[in-house]
Amino acid sequence: MIKEDIIQKRKLPEMVEDQMIEDIIQNFNFRKCYLTMKSLNWTWGLEDRSVPSIERLKRSAIDRLKNAIEVAKQGKCFKSTYFSSSGGLKASAFVNRYGYIENLILEFVLTEWESDGD
């Protein structure tokens, strides 16, 4: 197999990232997020102040995931995790030592607390 054939068979990083995003959007339980937000009357927006629909949650999740990827690619620290969050959705992108996105995570964060011991 010549070198050009090998190169053509490799997937571009952007294609892999798009597949990772699609996998998350297809498998993440947006209905559970919606029902939780509805029961808590957790609204978004300054004008309409409404509980976001499942489609709006999905669009926001895609934005968070793409933003986490973008920030990770701009970062100078490899083997690190970069985040993007808003409205309860938190996306994390892990960059491997070669500068490629190795892992994407989407979470719905209801509550969290952290202490550094000070």
PDB file of N, CA and C in Angstrom:
ATOM      1  N   MET A   1       0.849  -1.165   0.000  1.00  0.00           N
ATOM      2  CA  MET A   1       0.000   0.000   0.000  1.00  0.00           C
ATOM      3  C   MET A   1       0.902   1.236   0.000  1.00  0.00           C
ATOM      4  N   ILE A   2       0.646   2.147  -0.906  1.00  0.00           N
ATOM      5  CA  ILE A   2       1.489   3.334  -0.976  1.00  0.00           C
ATOM      6  C   ILE A   2       1.031   4.374   0.043  1.00  0.00           C
ATOM      7  N   LYS A   3       1.903   5.304   0.320  1.00  0.00           N
ATOM      8  CA  LYS A   3       1.674   6.296   1.366  1.00  0.00           C
ATOM      9  C   LYS A   3       0.385   7.098   1.146  1.00  0.00           C
ATOM     10  N   GLU A   4       0.068   7.462  -0.090  1.00  0.00           N
ATOM     11  CA  GLU A   4      -1.139   8.242  -0.373  1.00  0.00           C
ATOM     12  C   GLU A   4      -2.401   7.480  -0.001  1.00  0.00           C
ATOM     13  N   ASP A   5      -2.417   6.165  -0.232  1.00  0.00           N
ATOM     14  CA  ASP A   5      -3.570   5.347   0.128  1.00  0.00           C
ATOM     15  C   ASP A   5      -3.776   5.317   1.642  1.00  0.00           C
ATOM     16  N   ILE A   6      -2.696   5.217   2.368  1.00  0.00           N
ATOM     17  CA  ILE A   6      -2.779   5.208   3.831  1.00  0.00           C
ATOM     18  C   ILE A   6      -3.337   6.533   4.323  1.00  0.00           C
ATOM     19  N   ILE A   7      -2.854   7.623   3.784  1.00  0.00           N
ATOM     20  CA  ILE A   7      -3.319   8.949   4.191  1.00  0.00           C
ATOM     21  C   ILE A   7      -4.802   9.104   3.884  1.00  0.00           C
ATOM     22  N   GLN A   8      -5.251   8.648   2.730  1.00  0.00           N
ATOM     23  CA  GLN A   8      -6.647   8.790   2.348  1.00  0.00           C
ATOM     24  C   GLN A   8      -7.567   7.966   3.238  1.00  0.00           C
ATOM     25  N   LYS A   9      -7.095   6.856   3.768  1.00  0.00           N
ATOM     26  CA  LYS A   9      -7.929   6.003   4.606  1.00  0.00           C
ATOM     27  C   LYS A   9      -8.072   6.534   6.026  1.00  0.00           C
ATOM     28  N   ARG A  10      -7.166   7.392   6.447  1.00  0.00           N
ATOM     29  CA  ARG A  10      -7.269   7.978   7.779  1.00  0.00           C
ATOM     30  C   ARG A  10      -8.389   9.005   7.785  1.00  0.00           C
ATOM     31  N   LYS A  11      -9.086   9.070   8.881  1.00  0.00           N
ATOM     32  CA  LYS A  11     -10.156  10.049   9.016  1.00  0.00           C
ATOM     33  C   LYS A  11      -9.563  11.370   9.484  1.00  0.00           C
ATOM     34  N   LEU A  12     -10.078  12.438   8.937  1.00  0.00           N
ATOM     35  CA  LEU A  12      -9.667  13.754   9.403  1.00  0.00           C
ATOM     36  C   LEU A  12     -10.179  13.955  10.821  1.00  0.00           C
ATOM     37  N   PRO A  13      -9.409  14.655  11.664  1.00  0.00           N
ATOM     38  CA  PRO A  13      -9.857  14.880  13.042  1.00  0.00           C
ATOM     39  C   PRO A  13     -11.255  15.497  13.120  1.00  0.00           C
ATOM     40  N   GLU A  14     -11.574  16.410  12.197  1.00  0.00           N
ATOM     41  CA  GLU A  14     -12.889  17.059  12.217  1.00  0.00           C
ATOM     42  C   GLU A  14     -14.010  16.048  11.970  1.00  0.00           C
ATOM     43  N   MET A  15     -13.751  15.055  11.113  1.00  0.00           N
ATOM     44  CA  MET A  15     -14.756  14.026  10.849  1.00  0.00           C
ATOM     45  C   MET A  15     -15.000  13.183  12.090  1.00  0.00           C
ATOM     46  N   VAL A  16     -13.936  12.839  12.778  1.00  0.00           N
ATOM     47  CA  VAL A  16     -14.057  12.051  14.008  1.00  0.00           C
ATOM     48  C   VAL A  16     -14.809  12.852  15.061  1.00  0.00           C
ATOM     49  N   GLU A  17     -14.484  14.126  15.190  1.00  0.00           N
ATOM     50  CA  GLU A  17     -15.167  14.988  16.160  1.00  0.00           C
ATOM     51  C   GLU A  17     -16.652  15.083  15.851  1.00  0.00           C
ATOM     52  N   ASP A  18     -17.004  15.246  14.584  1.00  0.00           N
ATOM     53  CA  ASP A  18     -18.421  15.300  14.201  1.00  0.00           C
ATOM     54  C   ASP A  18     -19.130  13.995  14.544  1.00  0.00           C
ATOM     55  N   GLN A  19     -18.459  12.870  14.351  1.00  0.00           N
ATOM     56  CA  GLN A  19     -19.045  11.571  14.697  1.00  0.00           C
ATOM     57  C   GLN A  19     -19.238  11.445  16.205  1.00  0.00           C
ATOM     58  N   MET A  20     -18.285  11.965  16.973  1.00  0.00           N
ATOM     59  CA  MET A  20     -18.395  11.915  18.424  1.00  0.00           C
ATOM     60  C   MET A  20     -19.582  12.759  18.892  1.00  0.00           C
ATOM     61  N   ILE A  21     -19.731  13.946  18.315  1.00  0.00           N
ATOM     62  CA  ILE A  21     -20.862  14.813  18.667  1.00  0.00           C
ATOM     63  C   ILE A  21     -22.172  14.122  18.312  1.00  0.00           C
ATOM     64  N   GLU A  22     -22.257  13.565  17.127  1.00  0.00           N
ATOM     65  CA  GLU A  22     -23.477  12.880  16.686  1.00  0.00           C
ATOM     66  C   GLU A  22     -23.810  11.709  17.616  1.00  0.00           C
ATOM     67  N   ASP A  23     -22.813  10.948  18.031  1.00  0.00           N
ATOM     68  CA  ASP A  23     -23.028   9.833  18.950  1.00  0.00           C
ATOM     69  C   ASP A  23     -23.613  10.329  20.270  1.00  0.00           C
ATOM     70  N   ILE A  24     -23.087  11.418  20.785  1.00  0.00           N
ATOM     71  CA  ILE A  24     -23.587  11.976  22.045  1.00  0.00           C
ATOM     72  C   ILE A  24     -25.026  12.449  21.878  1.00  0.00           C
ATOM     73  N   ILE A  25     -25.300  13.191  20.813  1.00  0.00           N
ATOM     74  CA  ILE A  25     -26.648  13.731  20.600  1.00  0.00           C
ATOM     75  C   ILE A  25     -27.665  12.596  20.438  1.00  0.00           C
ATOM     76  N   GLN A  26     -27.274  11.513  19.787  1.00  0.00           N
ATOM     77  CA  GLN A  26     -28.185  10.386  19.572  1.00  0.00           C
ATOM     78  C   GLN A  26     -28.439   9.574  20.849  1.00  0.00           C
ATOM     79  N   ASN A  27     -27.491   9.579  21.780  1.00  0.00           N
ATOM     80  CA  ASN A  27     -27.599   8.688  22.937  1.00  0.00           C
ATOM     81  C   ASN A  27     -27.832   9.376  24.276  1.00  0.00           C
ATOM     82  N   PHE A  28     -27.613  10.668  24.359  1.00  0.00           N
ATOM     83  CA  PHE A  28     -27.812  11.408  25.609  1.00  0.00           C
ATOM     84  C   PHE A  28     -29.311  11.491  25.908  1.00  0.00           C
ATOM     85  N   ASN A  29     -29.676  11.402  27.177  1.00  0.00           N
ATOM     86  CA  ASN A  29     -31.088  11.403  27.566  1.00  0.00           C
ATOM     87  C   ASN A  29     -31.590  12.839  27.766  1.00  0.00           C
ATOM     88  N   PHE A  30     -31.903  13.507  26.657  1.00  0.00           N
ATOM     89  CA  PHE A  30     -32.397  14.881  26.721  1.00  0.00           C
ATOM     90  C   PHE A  30     -33.788  14.948  27.349  1.00  0.00           C
ATOM     91  N   ARG A  31     -34.549  13.893  27.189  1.00  0.00           N
ATOM     92  CA  ARG A  31     -35.889  13.874  27.800  1.00  0.00           C
ATOM     93  C   ARG A  31     -35.792  13.977  29.317  1.00  0.00           C
ATOM     94  N   LYS A  32     -34.844  13.276  29.907  1.00  0.00           N
ATOM     95  CA  LYS A  32     -34.656  13.334  31.356  1.00  0.00           C
ATOM     96  C   LYS A  32     -34.279  14.759  31.792  1.00  0.00           C
ATOM     97  N   CYS A  33     -33.423  15.402  31.015  1.00  0.00           N
ATOM     98  CA  CYS A  33     -33.058  16.796  31.309  1.00  0.00           C
ATOM     99  C   CYS A  33     -34.286  17.695  31.245  1.00  0.00           C
ATOM    100  N   TYR A  34     -35.053  17.546  30.169  1.00  0.00           N
ATOM    101  CA  TYR A  34     -36.258  18.360  29.982  1.00  0.00           C
ATOM    102  C   TYR A  34     -37.232  18.165  31.145  1.00  0.00           C
ATOM    103  N   LEU A  35     -37.500  16.911  31.513  1.00  0.00           N
ATOM    104  CA  LEU A  35     -38.448  16.639  32.594  1.00  0.00           C
ATOM    105  C   LEU A  35     -37.958  17.202  33.926  1.00  0.00           C
ATOM    106  N   THR A  36     -36.674  17.106  34.164  1.00  0.00           N
ATOM    107  CA  THR A  36     -36.095  17.678  35.387  1.00  0.00           C
ATOM    108  C   THR A  36     -36.255  19.191  35.395  1.00  0.00           C
ATOM    109  N   MET A  37     -35.910  19.816  34.275  1.00  0.00           N
ATOM    110  CA  MET A  37     -36.025  21.273  34.189  1.00  0.00           C
ATOM    111  C   MET A  37     -37.479  21.714  34.320  1.00  0.00           C
ATOM    112  N   LYS A  38     -38.389  20.959  33.719  1.00  0.00           N
ATOM    113  CA  LYS A  38     -39.813  21.293  33.802  1.00  0.00           C
ATOM    114  C   LYS A  38     -40.310  21.193  35.240  1.00  0.00           C
ATOM    115  N   SER A  39     -39.919  20.127  35.938  1.00  0.00           N
ATOM    116  CA  SER A  39     -40.381  19.955  37.318  1.00  0.00           C
ATOM    117  C   SER A  39     -39.807  21.023  38.250  1.00  0.00           C
ATOM    118  N   LEU A  40     -38.624  21.548  37.918  1.00  0.00           N
ATOM    119  CA  LEU A  40     -38.002  22.598  38.732  1.00  0.00           C
ATOM    120  C   LEU A  40     -38.325  24.003  38.225  1.00  0.00           C
ATOM    121  N   ASN A  41     -39.098  24.076  37.126  1.00  0.00           N
ATOM    122  CA  ASN A  41     -39.383  25.343  36.453  1.00  0.00           C
ATOM    123  C   ASN A  41     -38.080  26.089  36.146  1.00  0.00           C
ATOM    124  N   TRP A  42     -37.113  25.351  35.645  1.00  0.00           N
ATOM    125  CA  TRP A  42     -35.786  25.868  35.305  1.00  0.00           C
ATOM    126  C   TRP A  42     -35.869  26.456  33.902  1.00  0.00           C
ATOM    127  N   THR A  43     -35.871  27.752  33.819  1.00  0.00           N
ATOM    128  CA  THR A  43     -36.082  28.432  32.543  1.00  0.00           C
ATOM    129  C   THR A  43     -34.785  29.020  32.006  1.00  0.00           C
ATOM    130  N   TRP A  44     -34.802  29.220  30.701  1.00  0.00           N
ATOM    131  CA  TRP A  44     -33.707  29.878  30.006  1.00  0.00           C
ATOM    132  C   TRP A  44     -34.250  31.140  29.346  1.00  0.00           C
ATOM    133  N   GLY A  45     -33.365  32.028  29.024  1.00  0.00           N
ATOM    134  CA  GLY A  45     -33.719  33.182  28.210  1.00  0.00           C
ATOM    135  C   GLY A  45     -34.141  34.377  29.028  1.00  0.00           C
ATOM    136  N   LEU A  46     -33.809  35.526  28.503  1.00  0.00           N
ATOM    137  CA  LEU A  46     -34.180  36.766  29.172  1.00  0.00           C
ATOM    138  C   LEU A  46     -35.562  37.237  28.750  1.00  0.00           C
ATOM    139  N   GLU A  47     -35.958  36.916  27.531  1.00  0.00           N
ATOM    140  CA  GLU A  47     -37.229  37.417  27.018  1.00  0.00           C
ATOM    141  C   GLU A  47     -38.382  36.446  27.239  1.00  0.00           C
ATOM    142  N   ASP A  48     -38.210  35.191  26.815  1.00  0.00           N
ATOM    143  CA  ASP A  48     -39.335  34.263  26.911  1.00  0.00           C
ATOM    144  C   ASP A  48     -39.383  33.510  28.236  1.00  0.00           C
ATOM    145  N   ARG A  49     -38.281  33.448  28.954  1.00  0.00           N
ATOM    146  CA  ARG A  49     -38.213  32.773  30.262  1.00  0.00           C
ATOM    147  C   ARG A  49     -39.023  31.482  30.277  1.00  0.00           C
ATOM    148  N   SER A  50     -38.626  30.542  29.429  1.00  0.00           N
ATOM    149  CA  SER A  50     -39.336  29.269  29.344  1.00  0.00           C
ATOM    150  C   SER A  50     -38.382  28.108  29.546  1.00  0.00           C
ATOM    151  N   VAL A  51     -38.966  26.965  29.910  1.00  0.00           N
ATOM    152  CA  VAL A  51     -38.192  25.734  29.984  1.00  0.00           C
ATOM    153  C   VAL A  51     -37.831  25.367  28.545  1.00  0.00           C
ATOM    154  N   PRO A  52     -36.557  25.117  28.275  1.00  0.00           N
ATOM    155  CA  PRO A  52     -36.162  24.815  26.899  1.00  0.00           C
ATOM    156  C   PRO A  52     -36.733  23.480  26.418  1.00  0.00           C
ATOM    157  N   SER A  53     -37.088  23.448  25.146  1.00  0.00           N
ATOM    158  CA  SER A  53     -37.576  22.208  24.531  1.00  0.00           C
ATOM    159  C   SER A  53     -36.418  21.233  24.368  1.00  0.00           C
ATOM    160  N   ILE A  54     -36.741  19.994  24.054  1.00  0.00           N
ATOM    161  CA  ILE A  54     -35.701  18.996  23.815  1.00  0.00           C
ATOM    162  C   ILE A  54     -34.837  19.409  22.633  1.00  0.00           C
ATOM    163  N   GLU A  55     -35.454  19.955  21.584  1.00  0.00           N
ATOM    164  CA  GLU A  55     -34.666  20.410  20.425  1.00  0.00           C
ATOM    165  C   GLU A  55     -33.730  21.551  20.802  1.00  0.00           C
ATOM    166  N   ARG A  56     -34.195  22.458  21.645  1.00  0.00           N
ATOM    167  CA  ARG A  56     -33.338  23.563  22.093  1.00  0.00           C
ATOM    168  C   ARG A  56     -32.191  23.037  22.961  1.00  0.00           C
ATOM    169  N   LEU A  57     -32.475  22.052  23.790  1.00  0.00           N
ATOM    170  CA  LEU A  57     -31.426  21.424  24.590  1.00  0.00           C
ATOM    171  C   LEU A  57     -30.372  20.787  23.691  1.00  0.00           C
ATOM    172  N   LYS A  58     -30.827  20.108  22.627  1.00  0.00           N
ATOM    173  CA  LYS A  58     -29.889  19.477  21.691  1.00  0.00           C
ATOM    174  C   LYS A  58     -29.018  20.515  20.994  1.00  0.00           C
ATOM    175  N   ARG A  59     -29.633  21.615  20.533  1.00  0.00           N
ATOM    176  CA  ARG A  59     -28.850  22.670  19.866  1.00  0.00           C
ATOM    177  C   ARG A  59     -27.820  23.268  20.823  1.00  0.00           C
ATOM    178  N   SER A  60     -28.237  23.484  22.061  1.00  0.00           N
ATOM    179  CA  SER A  60     -27.312  24.025  23.052  1.00  0.00           C
ATOM    180  C   SER A  60     -26.191  23.037  23.353  1.00  0.00           C
ATOM    181  N   ALA A  61     -26.514  21.756  23.404  1.00  0.00           N
ATOM    182  CA  ALA A  61     -25.501  20.725  23.649  1.00  0.00           C
ATOM    183  C   ALA A  61     -24.473  20.710  22.527  1.00  0.00           C
ATOM    184  N   ILE A  62     -24.931  20.808  21.288  1.00  0.00           N
ATOM    185  CA  ILE A  62     -24.011  20.854  20.148  1.00  0.00           C
ATOM    186  C   ILE A  62     -23.109  22.075  20.254  1.00  0.00           C
ATOM    187  N   ASP A  63     -23.684  23.218  20.608  1.00  0.00           N
ATOM    188  CA  ASP A  63     -22.877  24.431  20.792  1.00  0.00           C
ATOM    189  C   ASP A  63     -21.835  24.244  21.886  1.00  0.00           C
ATOM    190  N   ARG A  64     -22.244  23.643  23.014  1.00  0.00           N
ATOM    191  CA  ARG A  64     -21.302  23.423  24.124  1.00  0.00           C
ATOM    192  C   ARG A  64     -20.181  22.487  23.682  1.00  0.00           C
ATOM    193  N   LEU A  65     -20.524  21.398  23.000  1.00  0.00           N
ATOM    194  CA  LEU A  65     -19.523  20.421  22.554  1.00  0.00           C
ATOM    195  C   LEU A  65     -18.541  21.046  21.567  1.00  0.00           C
ATOM    196  N   LYS A  66     -19.057  21.783  20.600  1.00  0.00           N
ATOM    197  CA  LYS A  66     -18.186  22.437  19.617  1.00  0.00           C
ATOM    198  C   LYS A  66     -17.301  23.481  20.276  1.00  0.00           C
ATOM    199  N   ASN A  67     -17.852  24.204  21.246  1.00  0.00           N
ATOM    200  CA  ASN A  67     -17.059  25.200  21.950  1.00  0.00           C
ATOM    201  C   ASN A  67     -15.951  24.549  22.763  1.00  0.00           C
ATOM    202  N   ALA A  68     -16.251  23.441  23.426  1.00  0.00           N
ATOM    203  CA  ALA A  68     -15.225  22.728  24.204  1.00  0.00           C
ATOM    204  C   ALA A  68     -14.105  22.255  23.287  1.00  0.00           C
ATOM    205  N   ILE A  69     -14.461  21.752  22.100  1.00  0.00           N
ATOM    206  CA  ILE A  69     -13.455  21.314  21.130  1.00  0.00           C
ATOM    207  C   ILE A  69     -12.602  22.492  20.686  1.00  0.00           C
ATOM    208  N   GLU A  70     -13.252  23.609  20.364  1.00  0.00           N
ATOM    209  CA  GLU A  70     -12.529  24.792  19.900  1.00  0.00           C
ATOM    210  C   GLU A  70     -11.549  25.311  20.957  1.00  0.00           C
ATOM    211  N   VAL A  71     -12.018  25.397  22.189  1.00  0.00           N
ATOM    212  CA  VAL A  71     -11.158  25.865  23.283  1.00  0.00           C
ATOM    213  C   VAL A  71      -9.999  24.897  23.498  1.00  0.00           C
ATOM    214  N   ALA A  72     -10.289  23.599  23.423  1.00  0.00           N
ATOM    215  CA  ALA A  72      -9.246  22.583  23.611  1.00  0.00           C
ATOM    216  C   ALA A  72      -8.172  22.699  22.536  1.00  0.00           C
ATOM    217  N   LYS A  73      -8.582  22.947  21.309  1.00  0.00           N
ATOM    218  CA  LYS A  73      -7.611  23.066  20.219  1.00  0.00           C
ATOM    219  C   LYS A  73      -6.754  24.318  20.338  1.00  0.00           C
ATOM    220  N   GLN A  74      -7.289  25.341  20.977  1.00  0.00           N
ATOM    221  CA  GLN A  74      -6.530  26.572  21.172  1.00  0.00           C
ATOM    222  C   GLN A  74      -5.621  26.484  22.393  1.00  0.00           C
ATOM    223  N   GLY A  75      -5.891  25.528  23.257  1.00  0.00           N
ATOM    224  CA  GLY A  75      -5.122  25.379  24.491  1.00  0.00           C
ATOM    225  C   GLY A  75      -3.687  24.979  24.221  1.00  0.00           C
ATOM    226  N   LYS A  76      -2.849  25.294  25.155  1.00  0.00           N
ATOM    227  CA  LYS A  76      -1.425  24.991  25.032  1.00  0.00           C
ATOM    228  C   LYS A  76      -1.024  23.766  25.852  1.00  0.00           C
ATOM    229  N   CYS A  77      -1.965  23.227  26.583  1.00  0.00           N
ATOM    230  CA  CYS A  77      -1.649  22.123  27.494  1.00  0.00           C
ATOM    231  C   CYS A  77      -2.308  20.839  27.008  1.00  0.00           C
ATOM    232  N   PHE A  78      -1.504  19.931  26.462  1.00  0.00           N
ATOM    233  CA  PHE A  78      -2.039  18.659  26.012  1.00  0.00           C
ATOM    234  C   PHE A  78      -2.198  17.713  27.189  1.00  0.00           C
ATOM    235  N   LYS A  79      -2.930  16.639  26.963  1.00  0.00           N
ATOM    236  CA  LYS A  79      -3.303  15.688  28.007  1.00  0.00           C
ATOM    237  C   LYS A  79      -4.094  16.414  29.093  1.00  0.00           C
ATOM    238  N   SER A  80      -4.989  17.307  28.650  1.00  0.00           N
ATOM    239  CA  SER A  80      -5.822  18.092  29.550  1.00  0.00           C
ATOM    240  C   SER A  80      -7.276  18.026  29.108  1.00  0.00           C
ATOM    241  N   THR A  81      -8.161  18.411  30.028  1.00  0.00           N
ATOM    242  CA  THR A  81      -9.583  18.474  29.731  1.00  0.00           C
ATOM    243  C   THR A  81     -10.021  19.926  29.713  1.00  0.00           C
ATOM    244  N   TYR A  82     -10.796  20.268  28.693  1.00  0.00           N
ATOM    245  CA  TYR A  82     -11.327  21.620  28.539  1.00  0.00           C
ATOM    246  C   TYR A  82     -12.843  21.557  28.615  1.00  0.00           C
ATOM    247  N   PHE A  83     -13.469  22.628  29.156  1.00  0.00           N
ATOM    248  CA  PHE A  83     -14.894  22.621  29.428  1.00  0.00           C
ATOM    249  C   PHE A  83     -15.608  23.781  28.744  1.00  0.00           C
ATOM    250  N   SER A  84     -16.893  23.590  28.525  1.00  0.00           N
ATOM    251  CA  SER A  84     -17.804  24.648  28.117  1.00  0.00           C
ATOM    252  C   SER A  84     -19.148  24.311  28.749  1.00  0.00           C
ATOM    253  N   SER A  85     -19.724  25.259  29.482  1.00  0.00           N
ATOM    254  CA  SER A  85     -20.989  24.957  30.139  1.00  0.00           C
ATOM    255  C   SER A  85     -21.904  26.168  30.132  1.00  0.00           C
ATOM    256  N   SER A  86     -23.193  25.864  30.149  1.00  0.00           N
ATOM    257  CA  SER A  86     -24.223  26.897  30.216  1.00  0.00           C
ATOM    258  C   SER A  86     -25.566  26.215  30.412  1.00  0.00           C
ATOM    259  N   GLY A  87     -26.397  26.803  31.251  1.00  0.00           N
ATOM    260  CA  GLY A  87     -27.764  26.319  31.417  1.00  0.00           C
ATOM    261  C   GLY A  87     -27.893  24.910  31.943  1.00  0.00           C
ATOM    262  N   GLY A  88     -26.894  24.414  32.633  1.00  0.00           N
ATOM    263  CA  GLY A  88     -26.926  23.052  33.171  1.00  0.00           C
ATOM    264  C   GLY A  88     -26.199  22.036  32.310  1.00  0.00           C
ATOM    265  N   LEU A  89     -25.949  22.370  31.054  1.00  0.00           N
ATOM    266  CA  LEU A  89     -25.210  21.460  30.173  1.00  0.00           C
ATOM    267  C   LEU A  89     -23.724  21.753  30.260  1.00  0.00           C
ATOM    268  N   LYS A  90     -22.944  20.711  30.440  1.00  0.00           N
ATOM    269  CA  LYS A  90     -21.492  20.852  30.551  1.00  0.00           C
ATOM    270  C   LYS A  90     -20.832  19.881  29.584  1.00  0.00           C
ATOM    271  N   ALA A  91     -20.046  20.441  28.677  1.00  0.00           N
ATOM    272  CA  ALA A  91     -19.309  19.626  27.711  1.00  0.00           C
ATOM    273  C   ALA A  91     -17.841  19.643  28.090  1.00  0.00           C
ATOM    274  N   SER A  92     -17.200  18.497  27.990  1.00  0.00           N
ATOM    275  CA  SER A  92     -15.777  18.369  28.283  1.00  0.00           C
ATOM    276  C   SER A  92     -15.090  17.718  27.093  1.00  0.00           C
ATOM    277  N   ALA A  93     -13.929  18.260  26.725  1.00  0.00           N
ATOM    278  CA  ALA A  93     -13.134  17.705  25.630  1.00  0.00           C
ATOM    279  C   ALA A  93     -11.742  17.403  26.169  1.00  0.00           C
ATOM    280  N   PHE A  94     -11.307  16.164  26.009  1.00  0.00           N
ATOM    281  CA  PHE A  94      -9.973  15.761  26.445  1.00  0.00           C
ATOM    282  C   PHE A  94      -9.055  15.735  25.236  1.00  0.00           C
ATOM    283  N   VAL A  95      -7.921  16.418  25.359  1.00  0.00           N
ATOM    284  CA  VAL A  95      -6.937  16.487  24.285  1.00  0.00           C
ATOM    285  C   VAL A  95      -5.791  15.538  24.619  1.00  0.00           C
ATOM    286  N   ASN A  96      -5.447  14.660  23.669  1.00  0.00           N
ATOM    287  CA  ASN A  96      -4.337  13.739  23.912  1.00  0.00           C
ATOM    288  C   ASN A  96      -2.992  14.429  23.665  1.00  0.00           C
ATOM    289  N   ARG A  97      -1.927  13.713  23.831  1.00  0.00           N
ATOM    290  CA  ARG A  97      -0.589  14.306  23.721  1.00  0.00           C
ATOM    291  C   ARG A  97      -0.226  14.733  22.306  1.00  0.00           C
ATOM    292  N   TYR A  98      -1.023  14.316  21.325  1.00  0.00           N
ATOM    293  CA  TYR A  98      -0.779  14.707  19.936  1.00  0.00           C
ATOM    294  C   TYR A  98      -1.622  15.907  19.521  1.00  0.00           C
ATOM    295  N   GLY A  99      -2.430  16.406  20.462  1.00  0.00           N
ATOM    296  CA  GLY A  99      -3.258  17.571  20.180  1.00  0.00           C
ATOM    297  C   GLY A  99      -4.608  17.255  19.562  1.00  0.00           C
ATOM    298  N   TYR A 100      -5.011  15.971  19.556  1.00  0.00           N
ATOM    299  CA  TYR A 100      -6.298  15.575  18.995  1.00  0.00           C
ATOM    300  C   TYR A 100      -7.316  15.348  20.107  1.00  0.00           C
ATOM    301  N   ILE A 101      -8.574  15.597  19.784  1.00  0.00           N
ATOM    302  CA  ILE A 101      -9.644  15.343  20.740  1.00  0.00           C
ATOM    303  C   ILE A 101      -9.794  13.827  20.871  1.00  0.00           C
ATOM    304  N   GLU A 102      -9.574  13.351  22.059  1.00  0.00           N
ATOM    305  CA  GLU A 102      -9.634  11.917  22.317  1.00  0.00           C
ATOM    306  C   GLU A 102     -10.973  11.497  22.910  1.00  0.00           C
ATOM    307  N   ASN A 103     -11.597  12.413  23.658  1.00  0.00           N
ATOM    308  CA  ASN A 103     -12.821  12.059  24.361  1.00  0.00           C
ATOM    309  C   ASN A 103     -13.696  13.291  24.515  1.00  0.00           C
ATOM    310  N   LEU A 104     -15.000  13.112  24.303  1.00  0.00           N
ATOM    311  CA  LEU A 104     -15.990  14.163  24.539  1.00  0.00           C
ATOM    312  C   LEU A 104     -17.014  13.654  25.537  1.00  0.00           C
ATOM    313  N   ILE A 105     -17.417  14.525  26.439  1.00  0.00           N
ATOM    314  CA  ILE A 105     -18.408  14.163  27.454  1.00  0.00           C
ATOM    315  C   ILE A 105     -19.455  15.264  27.511  1.00  0.00           C
ATOM    316  N   LEU A 106     -20.714  14.882  27.622  1.00  0.00           N
ATOM    317  CA  LEU A 106     -21.796  15.831  27.867  1.00  0.00           C
ATOM    318  C   LEU A 106     -22.483  15.436  29.162  1.00  0.00           C
ATOM    319  N   GLU A 107     -22.645  16.404  30.041  1.00  0.00           N
ATOM    320  CA  GLU A 107     -23.300  16.170  31.326  1.00  0.00           C
ATOM    321  C   GLU A 107     -24.416  17.183  31.518  1.00  0.00           C
ATOM    322  N   PHE A 108     -25.420  16.788  32.272  1.00  0.00           N
ATOM    323  CA  PHE A 108     -26.436  17.714  32.744  1.00  0.00           C
ATOM    324  C   PHE A 108     -26.193  17.859  34.233  1.00  0.00           C
ATOM    325  N   VAL A 109     -25.738  19.023  34.643  1.00  0.00           N
ATOM    326  CA  VAL A 109     -25.337  19.244  36.026  1.00  0.00           C
ATOM    327  C   VAL A 109     -26.475  19.927  36.770  1.00  0.00           C
ATOM    328  N   LEU A 110     -27.003  19.224  37.744  1.00  0.00           N
ATOM    329  CA  LEU A 110     -28.087  19.761  38.534  1.00  0.00           C
ATOM    330  C   LEU A 110     -27.557  20.557  39.735  1.00  0.00           C
ATOM    331  N   THR A 111     -26.534  20.016  40.346  1.00  0.00           N
ATOM    332  CA  THR A 111     -25.903  20.706  41.469  1.00  0.00           C
ATOM    333  C   THR A 111     -24.468  20.212  41.599  1.00  0.00           C
ATOM    334  N   GLU A 112     -23.628  21.058  42.151  1.00  0.00           N
ATOM    335  CA  GLU A 112     -22.224  20.691  42.322  1.00  0.00           C
ATOM    336  C   GLU A 112     -21.624  21.573  43.405  1.00  0.00           C
ATOM    337  N   TRP A 113     -20.631  21.051  44.070  1.00  0.00           N
ATOM    338  CA  TRP A 113     -19.911  21.824  45.087  1.00  0.00           C
ATOM    339  C   TRP A 113     -18.472  21.377  45.067  1.00  0.00           C
ATOM    340  N   GLU A 114     -17.571  22.315  45.213  1.00  0.00           N
ATOM    341  CA  GLU A 114     -16.160  21.982  45.236  1.00  0.00           C
ATOM    342  C   GLU A 114     -15.482  22.831  46.304  1.00  0.00           C
ATOM    343  N   SER A 115     -14.523  22.250  46.973  1.00  0.00           N
ATOM    344  CA  SER A 115     -13.759  22.969  47.971  1.00  0.00           C
ATOM    345  C   SER A 115     -12.292  22.641  47.810  1.00  0.00           C
ATOM    346  N   ASP A 116     -11.445  23.657  47.933  1.00  0.00           N
ATOM    347  CA  ASP A 116     -10.016  23.423  47.803  1.00  0.00           C
ATOM    348  C   ASP A 116      -9.325  23.299  49.157  1.00  0.00           C
ATOM    349  N   GLY A 117     -10.099  23.309  50.210  1.00  0.00           N
ATOM    350  CA  GLY A 117      -9.551  23.105  51.550  1.00  0.00           C
ATOM    351  C   GLY A 117      -9.140  24.367  52.275  1.00  0.00           C
ATOM    352  N   ASP A 118      -9.238  25.516  51.618  1.00  0.00           N
ATOM    353  CA  ASP A 118      -8.882  26.781  52.294  1.00  0.00           C
ATOM    354  C   ASP A 118     -10.018  27.322  53.102  1.00  0.00           C
TER     355      ASP A 118
END
